[in-house]
Amino acid sequence: QVQLVESGGGLVQPGGSLRLSCAASGSIFHIVAMGWYRQALGEERELVATLNSGGGTDYADSVKGRFTISRDNAKNTVYLQMNSLKPEDTGVYYCNGRIYSSPSRWNDHWGQGTQVTVSS
């Protein structure tokens, strides 16, 4: 099995920064892509940022220029550096990974979610 464990959420003032971490463990043959999603209260879950195995990235328009997704392959960990945070960034952030456990088997995995609150 593959497990994703998130950390780094918390309360921060507008304009502040946070870095989220998501560590994958278990039977990992290949990580196709990892990403971050968020869900604000009363809203649908939305894509924040993705990073594929070739290093390509995609960001939601609302976070471009403020958020950066990166990885540490040796640790099977993906990060989300969040700068210039706004109250609109408040929500539960979820880590997602599309991961092969063998050459022919893959699954999408989700972390447990971590709360990010941006408020003065």
Protein backbone atom coordinates (compact mmCIF):
# COMPACT_ATOMS: atom_id res chain seq x y z
CA GLN A 1 0.00 0.00 0.00
CA VAL A 2 0.90 3.61 -0.52
CA GLN A 3 0.27 6.25 2.09
CA LEU A 4 0.51 10.03 1.82
CA VAL A 5 1.18 11.98 4.99
CA GLU A 6 0.79 15.76 5.00
CA SER A 7 2.13 18.39 7.35
CA GLY A 8 2.71 22.11 7.55
CA GLY A 9 -0.75 23.61 7.75
CA GLY A 10 -1.73 26.20 10.29
CA LEU A 11 -2.85 29.73 10.95
CA VAL A 12 -1.07 32.60 9.24
CA GLN A 13 -1.73 36.29 8.72
CA PRO A 14 -2.46 37.73 5.27
CA GLY A 15 0.78 38.23 3.41
CA GLY A 16 2.48 35.45 5.32
CA SER A 17 3.91 32.17 4.14
CA LEU A 18 3.53 28.47 4.79
CA ARG A 19 5.15 25.37 3.36
CA LEU A 20 3.16 22.18 3.11
CA SER A 21 4.82 18.79 2.86
CA CYS A 22 3.48 15.48 1.61
CA ALA A 23 5.55 12.34 2.05
CA ALA A 24 4.68 9.18 0.15
CA SER A 25 5.60 5.81 1.57
CA GLY A 26 4.92 2.15 0.91
CA SER A 27 5.13 0.20 -2.34
CA ILE A 28 6.26 2.84 -4.82
CA PHE A 29 7.53 1.83 -8.23
CA HIS A 30 7.01 5.12 -9.99
CA ILE A 31 5.30 8.40 -9.20
CA VAL A 32 3.58 9.73 -12.29
CA ALA A 33 2.51 12.99 -10.75
CA MET A 34 1.72 14.61 -7.45
CA GLY A 35 -0.39 17.60 -6.71
CA TRP A 36 -2.18 19.74 -4.22
CA TYR A 37 -5.90 20.42 -4.06
CA ARG A 38 -7.87 22.57 -1.69
CA GLN A 39 -11.44 22.89 -0.57
CA ALA A 40 -12.82 26.00 1.03
CA LEU A 41 -15.84 25.89 3.32
CA GLY A 42 -18.95 25.49 1.21
CA GLU A 43 -16.96 25.22 -2.02
CA GLU A 44 -15.91 22.44 -4.36
CA ARG A 45 -12.45 20.96 -4.22
CA GLU A 46 -10.14 22.61 -6.72
CA LEU A 47 -6.75 21.92 -8.21
CA VAL A 48 -4.01 24.13 -6.81
CA ALA A 49 -0.80 22.78 -8.36
CA THR A 50 0.58 19.64 -9.97
CA LEU A 51 4.07 18.32 -10.66
CA ASN A 52 4.72 15.43 -13.01
CA SER A 53 7.66 13.06 -13.11
CA GLY A 54 9.32 15.05 -15.87
CA GLY A 55 9.28 18.21 -13.80
CA GLY A 56 6.37 19.91 -15.51
CA THR A 57 4.11 22.03 -13.36
CA ASP A 58 0.64 23.48 -13.55
CA TYR A 59 -0.95 26.03 -11.27
CA ALA A 60 -4.38 27.42 -10.73
CA ASP A 61 -4.60 30.98 -11.99
CA SER A 62 -5.44 32.19 -8.52
CA VAL A 63 -2.09 31.05 -7.09
CA LYS A 64 0.31 31.69 -9.97
CA GLY A 65 3.25 33.77 -8.86
CA ARG A 66 2.57 33.06 -5.19
CA PHE A 67 2.72 29.28 -4.81
CA THR A 68 5.49 26.92 -5.87
CA ILE A 69 5.30 23.14 -6.02
CA SER A 70 8.52 21.15 -5.74
CA ARG A 71 9.77 17.70 -4.83
CA ASP A 72 12.52 15.76 -3.15
CA ASN A 73 12.75 12.49 -5.04
CA ALA A 74 15.02 10.86 -2.48
CA LYS A 75 12.34 11.36 0.16
CA ASN A 76 9.32 10.80 -2.11
CA THR A 77 8.08 14.12 -0.84
CA VAL A 78 6.29 16.96 -2.56
CA TYR A 79 6.09 20.48 -1.17
CA LEU A 80 3.88 23.47 -1.67
CA GLN A 81 5.50 26.78 -0.79
CA MET A 82 2.77 29.35 -0.29
CA ASN A 83 3.73 33.01 -0.20
CA SER A 84 1.71 36.22 -0.05
CA LEU A 85 -1.18 34.32 1.40
CA LYS A 86 -4.66 35.75 1.17
CA PRO A 87 -7.81 35.01 3.16
CA GLU A 88 -9.19 33.42 -0.01
CA ASP A 89 -6.49 30.75 0.29
CA THR A 90 -8.14 29.42 3.44
CA GLY A 91 -9.25 25.83 3.20
CA VAL A 92 -8.31 22.21 3.63
CA TYR A 93 -5.37 21.27 1.44
CA TYR A 94 -5.09 17.72 0.15
CA CYS A 95 -2.11 15.99 -1.36
CA ASN A 96 -2.73 13.68 -4.31
CA GLY A 97 -0.44 11.23 -6.05
CA ARG A 98 -0.79 9.01 -9.07
CA ILE A 99 1.59 6.22 -8.19
CA TYR A 100 2.59 2.89 -9.73
CA SER A 101 3.12 0.17 -7.15
CA SER A 102 4.43 -2.12 -9.91
CA PRO A 103 5.12 -1.70 -13.63
CA SER A 104 1.47 -2.41 -14.45
CA ARG A 105 -0.53 -1.17 -11.48
CA TRP A 106 -1.26 2.38 -10.45
CA ASN A 107 -3.68 4.19 -8.20
CA ASP A 108 -4.54 7.70 -7.18
CA HIS A 109 -3.88 8.30 -3.51
CA TRP A 110 -4.98 11.09 -1.22
CA GLY A 111 -3.57 12.50 1.95
CA GLN A 112 -5.70 13.19 4.98
CA GLY A 113 -5.84 16.93 4.40
CA THR A 114 -4.34 19.79 6.36
CA GLN A 115 -6.08 22.99 7.37
CA VAL A 116 -4.71 26.32 6.19
CA THR A 117 -6.27 29.42 7.68
CA VAL A 118 -5.29 32.90 6.54
CA SER A 119 -6.71 35.51 8.87
CA SER A 120 -5.74 38.62 10.76
